[in-house]
C-alpha atoms as a PDB file:
ATOM      1  CA  MET A   1     -19.426   5.619 -94.166  1.00  0.00           C
ATOM      2  CA  CYS A   2     -17.345   7.977 -96.319  1.00  0.00           C
ATOM      3  CA  ILE A   3     -15.193  10.613 -94.647  1.00  0.00           C
ATOM      4  CA  ASP A   4     -13.944  13.682 -96.472  1.00  0.00           C
ATOM      5  CA  ALA A   5     -10.158  13.369 -96.097  1.00  0.00           C
ATOM      6  CA  GLU A   6      -9.505  17.046 -96.723  1.00  0.00           C
ATOM      7  CA  SER A   7     -11.989  18.195 -94.093  1.00  0.00           C
ATOM      8  CA  LEU A   8     -10.602  15.653 -91.634  1.00  0.00           C
ATOM      9  CA  ALA A   9      -7.086  16.979 -92.125  1.00  0.00           C
ATOM     10  CA  ASN A  10      -8.116  20.605 -91.785  1.00  0.00           C
ATOM     11  CA  SER A  11     -10.667  20.407 -88.951  1.00  0.00           C
ATOM     12  CA  HIS A  12      -8.383  19.414 -86.070  1.00  0.00           C
ATOM     13  CA  ALA A  13      -8.431  22.949 -84.663  1.00  0.00           C
ATOM     14  CA  ALA A  14     -11.547  25.129 -84.744  1.00  0.00           C
ATOM     15  CA  VAL A  15     -11.222  28.457 -86.557  1.00  0.00           C
ATOM     16  CA  ASP A  16     -11.925  31.920 -85.235  1.00  0.00           C
ATOM     17  CA  VAL A  17     -13.619  34.812 -87.044  1.00  0.00           C
ATOM     18  CA  GLN A  18     -10.537  35.545 -89.184  1.00  0.00           C
ATOM     19  CA  GLY A  19     -10.179  31.861 -90.082  1.00  0.00           C
ATOM     20  CA  GLN A  20      -6.924  31.446 -88.201  1.00  0.00           C
ATOM     21  CA  ARG A  21      -6.284  28.189 -86.413  1.00  0.00           C
ATOM     22  CA  ALA A  22      -5.981  28.385 -82.640  1.00  0.00           C
ATOM     23  CA  ALA A  23      -2.371  27.638 -81.690  1.00  0.00           C
ATOM     24  CA  HIS A  24      -1.528  25.762 -78.495  1.00  0.00           C
ATOM     25  CA  LYS A  25       0.858  23.005 -77.490  1.00  0.00           C
ATOM     26  CA  TYR A  26      -1.759  20.276 -77.932  1.00  0.00           C
ATOM     27  CA  VAL A  27      -2.688  21.070 -81.559  1.00  0.00           C
ATOM     28  CA  GLU A  28      -0.846  18.062 -82.983  1.00  0.00           C
ATOM     29  CA  GLN A  29      -2.347  15.753 -80.356  1.00  0.00           C
ATOM     30  CA  CYS A  30      -5.821  17.021 -81.271  1.00  0.00           C
ATOM     31  CA  ALA A  31      -5.208  16.118 -84.918  1.00  0.00           C
ATOM     32  CA  ASP A  32      -3.939  12.671 -83.935  1.00  0.00           C
ATOM     33  CA  ILE A  33      -6.842  11.759 -81.644  1.00  0.00           C
ATOM     34  CA  GLU A  34      -9.304  12.979 -84.277  1.00  0.00           C
ATOM     35  CA  ARG A  35      -7.848  10.653 -86.916  1.00  0.00           C
ATOM     36  CA  THR A  36      -7.699   7.735 -84.474  1.00  0.00           C
ATOM     37  CA  PHE A  37     -11.267   8.237 -83.298  1.00  0.00           C
ATOM     38  CA  MET A  38     -12.677   8.491 -86.818  1.00  0.00           C
ATOM     39  CA  GLN A  39     -11.015   5.182 -87.720  1.00  0.00           C
ATOM     40  CA  MET A  40     -12.475   3.463 -84.643  1.00  0.00           C
ATOM     41  CA  ALA A  41     -15.928   5.013 -85.078  1.00  0.00           C
ATOM     42  CA  THR A  42     -16.231   3.869 -88.700  1.00  0.00           C
ATOM     43  CA  SER A  43     -14.568   0.441 -88.358  1.00  0.00           C
ATOM     44  CA  GLU A  44     -17.950  -1.274 -88.822  1.00  0.00           C
ATOM     45  CA  ASP A  45     -17.553  -0.676 -92.545  1.00  0.00           C
ATOM     46  CA  SER A  46     -14.537  -2.979 -92.719  1.00  0.00           C
ATOM     47  CA  GLY A  47     -14.869  -6.674 -93.424  1.00  0.00           C
ATOM     48  CA  ALA A  48     -13.266  -7.871 -90.176  1.00  0.00           C
ATOM     49  CA  SER A  49     -14.847  -5.851 -87.390  1.00  0.00           C
ATOM     50  CA  PRO A  50     -13.102  -5.928 -83.981  1.00  0.00           C
ATOM     51  CA  TRP A  51     -16.410  -5.376 -82.167  1.00  0.00           C
ATOM     52  CA  THR A  52     -18.752  -7.913 -80.607  1.00  0.00           C
ATOM     53  CA  MET A  53     -22.313  -7.156 -79.425  1.00  0.00           C
ATOM     54  CA  LEU A  54     -22.824  -6.981 -75.643  1.00  0.00           C
ATOM     55  CA  THR A  55     -26.361  -5.634 -75.370  1.00  0.00           C
ATOM     56  CA  SER A  56     -28.950  -3.795 -77.430  1.00  0.00           C
ATOM     57  CA  LEU A  57     -32.257  -1.996 -76.930  1.00  0.00           C
ATOM     58  CA  GLU A  58     -34.888  -1.184 -79.539  1.00  0.00           C
ATOM     59  CA  ARG A  59     -37.299   1.023 -77.590  1.00  0.00           C
ATOM     60  CA  PRO A  60     -37.822   3.784 -76.745  1.00  0.00           C
ATOM     61  CA  TYR A  61     -34.480   4.682 -78.365  1.00  0.00           C
ATOM     62  CA  PRO A  62     -32.295   2.262 -80.358  1.00  0.00           C
ATOM     63  CA  ILE A  63     -29.105   1.651 -78.336  1.00  0.00           C
ATOM     64  CA  SER A  64     -26.398  -0.960 -78.895  1.00  0.00           C
ATOM     65  CA  VAL A  65     -23.231  -1.569 -76.871  1.00  0.00           C
ATOM     66  CA  GLN A  66     -20.294  -3.447 -78.374  1.00  0.00           C
ATOM     67  CA  GLY A  67     -17.078  -4.612 -76.756  1.00  0.00           C
ATOM     68  CA  HIS A  68     -13.656  -4.741 -78.395  1.00  0.00           C
ATOM     69  CA  THR A  69     -12.446  -8.293 -78.915  1.00  0.00           C
ATOM     70  CA  ALA A  70      -8.892  -7.477 -77.782  1.00  0.00           C
ATOM     71  CA  LYS A  71      -9.439  -4.698 -75.210  1.00  0.00           C
ATOM     72  CA  PRO A  72     -11.459  -5.361 -72.024  1.00  0.00           C
ATOM     73  CA  PHE A  73     -12.063  -1.657 -71.299  1.00  0.00           C
ATOM     74  CA  CYS A  74     -12.965  -0.588 -74.837  1.00  0.00           C
ATOM     75  CA  PHE A  75     -16.613  -0.105 -75.848  1.00  0.00           C
ATOM     76  CA  ARG A  76     -18.381   1.153 -78.961  1.00  0.00           C
ATOM     77  CA  ILE A  77     -21.894   2.467 -78.399  1.00  0.00           C
ATOM     78  CA  VAL A  78     -24.303   3.382 -81.169  1.00  0.00           C
ATOM     79  CA  PHE A  79     -27.566   5.115 -80.327  1.00  0.00           C
ATOM     80  CA  TYR A  80     -30.184   7.199 -82.085  1.00  0.00           C
ATOM     81  CA  ALA A  81     -31.347  10.442 -80.468  1.00  0.00           C
ATOM     82  CA  PRO A  82     -34.645  12.204 -81.274  1.00  0.00           C
ATOM     83  CA  THR A  83     -33.140  15.540 -82.310  1.00  0.00           C
ATOM     84  CA  SER A  84     -30.883  17.169 -84.899  1.00  0.00           C
ATOM     85  CA  PRO A  85     -27.066  16.753 -84.827  1.00  0.00           C
ATOM     86  CA  GLY A  86     -26.314  20.289 -83.629  1.00  0.00           C
ATOM     87  CA  THR A  87     -28.553  20.013 -80.576  1.00  0.00           C
ATOM     88  CA  ALA A  88     -27.208  16.574 -79.624  1.00  0.00           C
ATOM     89  CA  PHE A  89     -23.618  17.720 -80.046  1.00  0.00           C
ATOM     90  CA  ASP A  90     -24.057  20.827 -77.904  1.00  0.00           C
ATOM     91  CA  LEU A  91     -25.423  18.822 -74.980  1.00  0.00           C
ATOM     92  CA  LEU A  92     -23.015  15.892 -75.225  1.00  0.00           C
ATOM     93  CA  ALA A  93     -19.987  18.158 -75.685  1.00  0.00           C
ATOM     94  CA  ASN A  94     -20.862  20.396 -72.730  1.00  0.00           C
ATOM     95  CA  ILE A  95     -18.747  18.839 -69.987  1.00  0.00           C
ATOM     96  CA  LEU A  96     -20.428  20.913 -67.267  1.00  0.00           C
ATOM     97  CA  ARG A  97     -23.788  19.260 -68.005  1.00  0.00           C
ATOM     98  CA  ARG A  98     -22.531  15.703 -68.121  1.00  0.00           C
ATOM     99  CA  PRO A  99     -23.511  14.870 -64.499  1.00  0.00           C
ATOM    100  CA  GLU A 100     -27.122  15.653 -65.448  1.00  0.00           C
ATOM    101  CA  TRP A 101     -27.397  12.563 -67.641  1.00  0.00           C
ATOM    102  CA  ASP A 102     -24.360  10.324 -66.988  1.00  0.00           C
ATOM    103  CA  GLU A 103     -25.034   8.233 -63.876  1.00  0.00           C
ATOM    104  CA  LEU A 104     -21.323   7.335 -63.616  1.00  0.00           C
ATOM    105  CA  THR A 105     -20.145  10.974 -63.391  1.00  0.00           C
ATOM    106  CA  GLU A 106     -20.160  12.772 -60.037  1.00  0.00           C
ATOM    107  CA  SER A 107     -18.652  16.156 -60.982  1.00  0.00           C
ATOM    108  CA  THR A 108     -16.811  17.941 -63.794  1.00  0.00           C
ATOM    109  CA  ARG A 109     -14.665  21.029 -64.230  1.00  0.00           C
ATOM    110  CA  ILE A 110     -12.973  22.986 -67.003  1.00  0.00           C
ATOM    111  CA  ILE A 111      -9.285  23.428 -66.198  1.00  0.00           C
ATOM    112  CA  GLU A 112      -8.338  25.578 -69.181  1.00  0.00           C
ATOM    113  CA  HIS A 113      -9.732  26.802 -72.486  1.00  0.00           C
ATOM    114  CA  LEU A 114      -6.983  26.216 -75.059  1.00  0.00           C
ATOM    115  CA  GLY A 115      -8.839  27.795 -77.943  1.00  0.00           C
ATOM    116  CA  PRO A 116     -12.113  27.483 -79.856  1.00  0.00           C
ATOM    117  CA  GLY A 117     -13.064  23.832 -79.602  1.00  0.00           C
ATOM    118  CA  ASP A 118     -10.125  22.712 -77.446  1.00  0.00           C
ATOM    119  CA  ALA A 119      -9.922  22.531 -73.646  1.00  0.00           C
ATOM    120  CA  ILE A 120      -8.624  20.581 -70.657  1.00  0.00           C
ATOM    121  CA  HIS A 121     -11.349  18.902 -68.597  1.00  0.00           C
ATOM    122  CA  TYR A 122     -11.435  17.180 -65.221  1.00  0.00           C
ATOM    123  CA  ILE A 123     -13.981  14.442 -64.459  1.00  0.00           C
ATOM    124  CA  LYS A 124     -14.637  12.725 -61.148  1.00  0.00           C
ATOM    125  CA  ALA A 125     -16.506   9.440 -61.513  1.00  0.00           C
ATOM    126  CA  LYS A 126     -18.775   7.820 -58.972  1.00  0.00           C
ATOM    127  CA  PRO A 127     -17.515   4.671 -57.274  1.00  0.00           C
ATOM    128  CA  VAL A 128     -19.161   1.426 -58.366  1.00  0.00           C
ATOM    129  CA  TRP A 129     -19.172  -0.989 -55.441  1.00  0.00           C
ATOM    130  CA  PRO A 130     -16.858  -2.638 -54.558  1.00  0.00           C
ATOM    131  CA  THR A 131     -14.310  -0.528 -56.484  1.00  0.00           C
ATOM    132  CA  SER A 132     -12.713   2.792 -55.557  1.00  0.00           C
ATOM    133  CA  ALA A 133     -13.774   6.176 -56.910  1.00  0.00           C
ATOM    134  CA  ARG A 134     -11.908   7.341 -60.000  1.00  0.00           C
ATOM    135  CA  ASP A 135     -11.071  10.552 -61.838  1.00  0.00           C
ATOM    136  CA  SER A 136      -9.527  11.592 -65.139  1.00  0.00           C
ATOM    137  CA  LEU A 137      -7.823  14.603 -66.722  1.00  0.00           C
ATOM    138  CA  LEU A 138      -8.612  14.975 -70.416  1.00  0.00           C
ATOM    139  CA  LEU A 139      -7.605  16.940 -73.475  1.00  0.00           C
ATOM    140  CA  SER A 140     -10.913  17.682 -75.219  1.00  0.00           C
ATOM    141  CA  HIS A 141     -11.267  18.485 -78.911  1.00  0.00           C
ATOM    142  CA  LEU A 142     -14.435  19.539 -80.762  1.00  0.00           C
ATOM    143  CA  ALA A 143     -14.718  19.786 -84.545  1.00  0.00           C
ATOM    144  CA  ALA A 144     -17.078  19.712 -87.503  1.00  0.00           C
ATOM    145  CA  VAL A 145     -16.237  17.069 -90.138  1.00  0.00           C
ATOM    146  CA  GLN A 146     -17.721  15.783 -93.375  1.00  0.00           C
ATOM    147  CA  VAL A 147     -19.248  12.282 -93.395  1.00  0.00           C
ATOM    148  CA  ASN A 148     -20.955  10.984 -96.546  1.00  0.00           C
ATOM    149  CA  GLY A 149     -20.936  14.517 -97.909  1.00  0.00           C
ATOM    150  CA  ALA A 150     -22.860  15.934 -94.944  1.00  0.00           C
ATOM    151  CA  ARG A 151     -21.736  17.880 -91.908  1.00  0.00           C
ATOM    152  CA  ALA A 152     -21.114  15.824 -88.788  1.00  0.00           C
ATOM    153  CA  TYR A 153     -19.855  16.753 -85.335  1.00  0.00           C
ATOM    154  CA  LEU A 154     -16.962  15.263 -83.423  1.00  0.00           C
ATOM    155  CA  ASN A 155     -16.305  15.385 -79.684  1.00  0.00           C
ATOM    156  CA  VAL A 156     -13.152  13.474 -78.713  1.00  0.00           C
ATOM    157  CA  SER A 157     -10.832  13.402 -75.700  1.00  0.00           C
ATOM    158  CA  LYS A 158      -7.652  11.761 -74.406  1.00  0.00           C
ATOM    159  CA  SER A 159      -5.875  11.611 -71.042  1.00  0.00           C
ATOM    160  CA  ILE A 160      -3.015  14.016 -70.360  1.00  0.00           C
ATOM    161  CA  VAL A 161      -0.796  14.929 -67.405  1.00  0.00           C
ATOM    162  CA  ASP A 162      -0.884  18.436 -65.914  1.00  0.00           C
ATOM    163  CA  ASP A 163       0.985  19.572 -62.791  1.00  0.00           C
ATOM    164  CA  ARG A 164      -1.957  21.785 -61.824  1.00  0.00           C
ATOM    165  CA  VAL A 165      -4.111  18.708 -61.327  1.00  0.00           C
ATOM    166  CA  PRO A 166      -2.060  16.048 -59.507  1.00  0.00           C
ATOM    167  CA  GLU A 167      -3.435  12.658 -58.588  1.00  0.00           C
ATOM    168  CA  ILE A 168      -5.447  12.520 -55.344  1.00  0.00           C
ATOM    169  CA  SER A 169      -4.645   9.843 -52.780  1.00  0.00           C
ATOM    170  CA  ASP A 170      -8.185   8.503 -52.358  1.00  0.00           C
ATOM    171  CA  LEU A 171      -8.958   8.487 -56.098  1.00  0.00           C
ATOM    172  CA  VAL A 172      -7.667   6.226 -58.862  1.00  0.00           C
ATOM    173  CA  ARG A 173      -6.600   8.262 -61.905  1.00  0.00           C
ATOM    174  CA  MET A 174      -8.061   6.599 -65.009  1.00  0.00           C
ATOM    175  CA  GLU A 175      -6.284   6.722 -68.349  1.00  0.00           C
ATOM    176  CA  ALA A 176      -8.393   7.357 -71.435  1.00  0.00           C
ATOM    177  CA  GLY A 177      -6.687   6.255 -74.619  1.00  0.00           C
ATOM    178  CA  ILE A 178      -9.490   7.683 -76.755  1.00  0.00           C
ATOM    179  CA  ALA A 179     -13.092   8.628 -76.003  1.00  0.00           C
ATOM    180  CA  GLY A 180     -15.832  10.679 -77.577  1.00  0.00           C
ATOM    181  CA  GLN A 181     -18.769  10.839 -79.980  1.00  0.00           C
ATOM    182  CA  LEU A 182     -19.354  11.223 -83.706  1.00  0.00           C
ATOM    183  CA  ILE A 183     -22.794  12.660 -84.448  1.00  0.00           C
ATOM    184  CA  THR A 184     -24.377  12.411 -87.892  1.00  0.00           C
ATOM    185  CA  ARG A 185     -27.790  13.150 -89.392  1.00  0.00           C
ATOM    186  CA  VAL A 186     -30.254  10.311 -89.953  1.00  0.00           C
ATOM    187  CA  THR A 187     -31.769  10.444 -93.420  1.00  0.00           C
ATOM    188  CA  GLU A 188     -35.457   9.988 -94.173  1.00  0.00           C
ATOM    189  CA  GLU A 189     -34.758   6.582 -95.713  1.00  0.00           C
ATOM    190  CA  GLU A 190     -32.923   5.472 -92.557  1.00  0.00           C
ATOM    191  CA  ARG A 191     -35.762   6.694 -90.344  1.00  0.00           C
ATOM    192  CA  ARG A 192     -38.299   4.697 -92.329  1.00  0.00           C
ATOM    193  CA  ALA A 193     -36.140   1.567 -92.335  1.00  0.00           C
ATOM    194  CA  MET A 194     -35.696   1.735 -88.542  1.00  0.00           C
ATOM    195  CA  GLY A 195     -39.261   2.777 -87.805  1.00  0.00           C
ATOM    196  CA  LEU A 196     -38.240   6.061 -86.152  1.00  0.00           C
ATOM    197  CA  ALA A 197     -41.221   8.378 -85.711  1.00  0.00           C
ATOM    198  CA  GLY A 198     -40.656  12.100 -86.159  1.00  0.00           C
ATOM    199  CA  GLU A 199     -38.603  14.264 -88.468  1.00  0.00           C
ATOM    200  CA  HIS A 200     -35.515  15.004 -86.366  1.00  0.00           C
ATOM    201  CA  TRP A 201     -33.128  12.138 -85.539  1.00  0.00           C
ATOM    202  CA  CYS A 202     -29.390  11.776 -85.360  1.00  0.00           C
ATOM    203  CA  LYS A 203     -26.972   8.877 -84.993  1.00  0.00           C
ATOM    204  CA  VAL A 204     -24.315   8.961 -82.274  1.00  0.00           C
ATOM    205  CA  VAL A 205     -21.306   6.650 -82.359  1.00  0.00           C
ATOM    206  CA  GLN A 206     -19.555   6.753 -78.983  1.00  0.00           C
ATOM    207  CA  ILE A 207     -16.170   5.190 -78.232  1.00  0.00           C
ATOM    208  CA  ALA A 208     -14.783   4.621 -74.739  1.00  0.00           C
ATOM    209  CA  ASP A 209     -11.279   3.157 -74.801  1.00  0.00           C
ATOM    210  CA  GLY A 210      -8.972   3.315 -71.812  1.00  0.00           C
ATOM    211  CA  ASP A 211      -7.499   1.774 -68.706  1.00  0.00           C
ATOM    212  CA  LEU A 212      -9.573   2.102 -65.531  1.00  0.00           C
ATOM    213  CA  LYS A 213      -6.471   1.247 -63.469  1.00  0.00           C
ATOM    214  CA  GLY A 214      -6.569  -0.578 -60.162  1.00  0.00           C
ATOM    215  CA  TRP A 215      -8.727  -3.582 -59.368  1.00  0.00           C
ATOM    216  CA  ILE A 216     -11.907  -3.971 -61.430  1.00  0.00           C
ATOM    217  CA  PRO A 217     -13.940  -7.210 -61.181  1.00  0.00           C
ATOM    218  CA  LYS A 218     -15.563  -8.470 -64.369  1.00  0.00           C
ATOM    219  CA  SER A 219     -18.998  -8.039 -62.805  1.00  0.00           C
ATOM    220  CA  VAL A 220     -18.451  -4.270 -62.574  1.00  0.00           C
ATOM    221  CA  ILE A 221     -17.316  -4.066 -66.209  1.00  0.00           C
ATOM    222  CA  LYS A 222     -20.410  -6.011 -67.270  1.00  0.00           C
ATOM    223  CA  PHE A 223     -22.643  -3.754 -65.142  1.00  0.00           C
ATOM    224  CA  ILE A 224     -21.183  -0.606 -66.724  1.00  0.00           C
ATOM    225  CA  ALA A 225     -21.457  -1.911 -70.284  1.00  0.00           C
ATOM    226  CA  THR A 226     -24.891  -3.537 -70.136  1.00  0.00           C
ATOM    227  CA  GLN A 227     -26.754  -1.428 -67.569  1.00  0.00           C
ATOM    228  CA  ALA A 228     -25.148   1.896 -66.594  1.00  0.00           C
ATOM    229  CA  LEU A 229     -24.297   3.028 -70.125  1.00  0.00           C
ATOM    230  CA  PRO A 230     -27.706   2.217 -71.670  1.00  0.00           C
ATOM    231  CA  ARG A 231     -29.517   3.922 -68.776  1.00  0.00           C
ATOM    232  CA  SER A 232     -27.394   7.067 -69.141  1.00  0.00           C
ATOM    233  CA  LEU A 233     -27.960   7.204 -72.893  1.00  0.00           C
ATOM    234  CA  LYS A 234     -31.697   6.704 -72.463  1.00  0.00           C
ATOM    235  CA  LYS A 235     -31.690   9.640 -70.038  1.00  0.00           C
ATOM    236  CA  VAL A 236     -29.772  11.923 -72.395  1.00  0.00           C
ATOM    237  CA  CYS A 237     -32.166  11.010 -75.230  1.00  0.00           C
ATOM    238  CA  GLN A 238     -35.093  11.997 -73.014  1.00  0.00           C
ATOM    239  CA  GLN A 239     -33.436  15.369 -72.394  1.00  0.00           C
ATOM    240  CA  LEU A 240     -32.696  15.877 -76.100  1.00  0.00           C
ATOM    241  CA  ALA A 241     -36.286  15.055 -77.059  1.00  0.00           C
ATOM    242  CA  VAL A 242     -37.583  18.238 -75.392  1.00  0.00           C
ATOM    243  CA  LEU A 243     -34.875  20.612 -76.700  1.00  0.00           C
ATOM    244  CA  PRO A 244     -35.390  22.663 -79.894  1.00  0.00           C
ATOM    245  CA  PRO A 245     -33.756  20.717 -82.764  1.00  0.00           C
ATOM    246  CA  SER A 246     -30.951  22.469 -84.623  1.00  0.00           C
ATOM    247  CA  SER A 247     -28.677  21.181 -87.367  1.00  0.00           C
ATOM    248  CA  GLU A 248     -26.043  23.788 -86.488  1.00  0.00           C
ATOM    249  CA  SER A 249     -23.941  23.684 -83.327  1.00  0.00           C
ATOM    250  CA  ALA A 250     -23.997  26.715 -81.039  1.00  0.00           C
ATOM    251  CA  ILE A 251     -20.709  25.674 -79.416  1.00  0.00           C
ATOM    252  CA  LEU A 252     -18.817  25.736 -82.720  1.00  0.00           C
ATOM    253  CA  ARG A 253     -20.047  29.147 -83.775  1.00  0.00           C
ATOM    254  CA  PRO A 254     -17.400  31.845 -84.452  1.00  0.00           C
ATOM    255  CA  ALA A 255     -15.269  33.112 -81.566  1.00  0.00           C
ATOM    256  CA  THR A 256     -17.615  36.052 -80.938  1.00  0.00           C
ATOM    257  CA  ALA A 257     -20.342  33.615 -79.892  1.00  0.00           C
ATOM    258  CA  LEU A 258     -17.964  31.668 -77.699  1.00  0.00           C
ATOM    259  CA  SER A 259     -16.891  34.856 -75.908  1.00  0.00           C
ATOM    260  CA  GLY A 260     -20.383  35.373 -74.547  1.00  0.00           C
ATOM    261  CA  ASP A 261     -22.602  36.748 -77.322  1.00  0.00           C
ATOM    262  CA  ALA A 262     -24.452  33.490 -77.785  1.00  0.00           C
ATOM    263  CA  SER A 263     -27.561  33.094 -75.679  1.00  0.00           C
ATOM    264  CA  THR A 264     -28.172  29.391 -75.279  1.00  0.00           C
ATOM    265  CA  ASP A 265     -29.031  27.300 -72.259  1.00  0.00           C
ATOM    266  CA  LEU A 266     -26.633  24.608 -73.440  1.00  0.00           C
ATOM    267  CA  ILE A 267     -23.541  26.757 -72.769  1.00  0.00           C
ATOM    268  CA  LYS A 268     -23.145  27.352 -69.039  1.00  0.00           C
ATOM    269  CA  THR A 269     -19.420  28.057 -68.823  1.00  0.00           C
ATOM    270  CA  THR A 270     -18.492  31.069 -66.700  1.00  0.00           C
ATOM    271  CA  SER A 271     -15.172  32.481 -65.566  1.00  0.00           C
ATOM    272  CA  SER A 272     -15.578  30.766 -62.198  1.00  0.00           C
ATOM    273  CA  ASP A 273     -15.769  27.392 -63.960  1.00  0.00           C
ATOM    274  CA  VAL A 274     -12.290  27.774 -65.489  1.00  0.00           C
ATOM    275  CA  ILE A 275      -8.928  27.757 -63.762  1.00  0.00           C
ATOM    276  CA  ASN A 276      -6.934  30.732 -65.027  1.00  0.00           C
ATOM    277  CA  PRO A 277      -3.719  29.230 -66.449  1.00  0.00           C
ATOM    278  CA  ILE A 278      -1.737  32.341 -65.495  1.00  0.00           C
ATOM    279  CA  LEU A 279      -2.897  32.635 -61.887  1.00  0.00           C
ATOM    280  CA  ALA A 280      -3.085  28.922 -61.244  1.00  0.00           C
ATOM    281  CA  LYS A 281      -0.480  27.394 -58.951  1.00  0.00           C
ATOM    282  CA  PRO A 282       0.732  23.783 -58.908  1.00  0.00           C
ATOM    283  CA  HIS A 283      -1.496  21.343 -57.056  1.00  0.00           C
ATOM    284  CA  VAL A 284      -4.640  23.421 -57.490  1.00  0.00           C
ATOM    285  CA  PRO A 285      -7.421  21.486 -55.734  1.00  0.00           C
ATOM    286  CA  ILE A 286     -10.351  20.467 -57.874  1.00  0.00           C
ATOM    287  CA  LEU A 287     -13.523  21.888 -56.387  1.00  0.00           C
ATOM    288  CA  ARG A 288     -16.701  19.931 -56.822  1.00  0.00           C
ATOM    289  CA  ARG A 289     -18.746  21.414 -59.651  1.00  0.00           C
ATOM    290  CA  ASN A 290     -22.066  19.959 -60.696  1.00  0.00           C
ATOM    291  CA  ALA A 291     -21.687  17.567 -57.793  1.00  0.00           C
ATOM    292  CA  VAL A 292     -24.463  15.101 -57.143  1.00  0.00           C
ATOM    293  CA  PRO A 293     -26.395  15.991 -53.933  1.00  0.00           C
ATOM    294  CA  ALA A 294     -25.677  13.923 -50.846  1.00  0.00           C
ATOM    295  CA  ARG A 295     -29.179  12.419 -50.913  1.00  0.00           C
ATOM    296  CA  SER A 296     -28.643  11.193 -54.475  1.00  0.00           C
ATOM    297  CA  ARG A 297     -25.322   9.652 -53.509  1.00  0.00           C
ATOM    298  CA  TRP A 298     -26.956   7.793 -50.578  1.00  0.00           C
ATOM    299  CA  THR A 299     -29.690   6.595 -52.918  1.00  0.00           C
ATOM    300  CA  MET A 300     -27.064   5.368 -55.389  1.00  0.00           C
ATOM    301  CA  TRP A 301     -25.208   3.476 -52.647  1.00  0.00           C
ATOM    302  CA  LEU A 302     -28.484   1.936 -51.439  1.00  0.00           C
ATOM    303  CA  ARG A 303     -29.269   0.708 -54.942  1.00  0.00           C
ATOM    304  CA  VAL A 304     -25.802  -0.787 -55.343  1.00  0.00           C
ATOM    305  CA  LEU A 305     -26.066  -2.411 -51.911  1.00  0.00           C
ATOM    306  CA  MET A 306     -29.455  -3.889 -52.719  1.00  0.00           C
ATOM    307  CA  ARG A 307     -28.229  -5.156 -56.074  1.00  0.00           C
ATOM    308  CA  TYR A 308     -25.076  -6.886 -54.889  1.00  0.00           C
ATOM    309  CA  ALA A 309     -25.597  -7.527 -51.166  1.00  0.00           C
ATOM    310  CA  THR A 310     -29.206  -8.763 -51.165  1.00  0.00           C
ATOM    311  CA  PRO A 311     -28.435 -12.176 -52.743  1.00  0.00           C
ATOM    312  CA  ALA A 312     -25.668 -12.777 -50.212  1.00  0.00           C
ATOM    313  CA  VAL A 313     -27.929 -11.775 -47.296  1.00  0.00           C
ATOM    314  CA  VAL A 314     -30.756 -14.018 -48.524  1.00  0.00           C
ATOM    315  CA  ALA A 315     -28.331 -16.908 -48.918  1.00  0.00           C
ATOM    316  CA  ALA A 316     -26.969 -16.385 -45.378  1.00  0.00           C
ATOM    317  CA  ILE A 317     -30.464 -16.256 -43.854  1.00  0.00           C
ATOM    318  CA  THR A 318     -31.514 -19.373 -45.769  1.00  0.00           C
ATOM    319  CA  THR A 319     -28.422 -21.229 -44.574  1.00  0.00           C
ATOM    320  CA  LEU A 320     -29.092 -20.154 -40.987  1.00  0.00           C
ATOM    321  CA  VAL A 321     -32.716 -21.358 -41.141  1.00  0.00           C
ATOM    322  CA  PHE A 322     -31.688 -24.744 -42.513  1.00  0.00           C
ATOM    323  CA  GLN A 323     -29.051 -25.088 -39.810  1.00  0.00           C
ATOM    324  CA  MET A 324     -31.649 -24.328 -37.138  1.00  0.00           C
ATOM    325  CA  ILE A 325     -34.068 -26.903 -38.606  1.00  0.00           C
ATOM    326  CA  LEU A 326     -31.367 -29.572 -38.841  1.00  0.00           C
ATOM    327  CA  GLY A 327     -30.249 -28.786 -35.287  1.00  0.00           C
ATOM    328  CA  ARG A 328     -33.772 -29.222 -33.912  1.00  0.00           C
ATOM    329  CA  ARG A 329     -34.226 -32.515 -35.766  1.00  0.00           C
ATOM    330  CA  ALA A 330     -30.933 -33.790 -34.396  1.00  0.00           C
ATOM    331  CA  ALA A 331     -31.948 -32.786 -30.849  1.00  0.00           C
ATOM    332  CA  ARG A 332     -35.304 -34.611 -31.180  1.00  0.00           C
ATOM    333  CA  ARG A 333     -33.577 -37.789 -32.367  1.00  0.00           C
ATOM    334  CA  MET A 334     -31.178 -37.725 -29.446  1.00  0.00           C
ATOM    335  CA  SER A 335     -34.036 -37.226 -26.969  1.00  0.00           C
END
């Protein structure tokens, strides 16, 4: 995978109508996380890959999950979505729609728009039994880059600290070293080689590298990597399959489109979804946006309970029955 070095160096801040780069205090960090992510996303091209396969699916959408050999909380996911890169990017990069397809996300919120393509996001994750619920505060960066001479889209984020969003006592604040997606077009030759039906397909390379903090049993990590992630990606592919395919991103259009002239269902950000950085006070509470309904949460807990508790309950009942049988036999012998 060949990356245009000049475009990579110049794309770390989206441009407005006049072509001027948006200036904010996180500009240099955006450039750094973009370079780091691109290296991790394309490391498969090197001779000694740090990734090992954890699980893979062929149908209905090709999905593979790899784990980093030296980092227990670092995953590289590659999946193929039945749409064009622009459409996939606009849905995956829209933080407000993430709870619709990510079964591990409970709610999301935009804290501040830093400029075209850059923002601060808050994510509250669902608890996975028996661990505590977690949240994260992220610097998000969106950009268009050149890969193999073609336009690709980058959505990358990293944890930051902001006094407006302090840690909450009953939540564990996760730390994301690097996370995001690189979305490229699938050529006709690639579609034929993989047996992908249809004209519009794109390849998504997703990296999740961080520290979940607190106590995390290995069974939960395995569940997330081999079950929760593939299910979420299958769901997002199903949503993308029914959206109009577009090679161009609506989110990365000029600033006039971002200010409200664009009419697309993928962009649902309103003024009420953003904390005004001027009016905001320290310790602003994070309201639940896009929260999962209570019924869905109860259903999720029931599924988790059935998955992990049922074997223990069956084992306890079996033990009790055997004890009763042995007790009756012993009583008969004594009589």
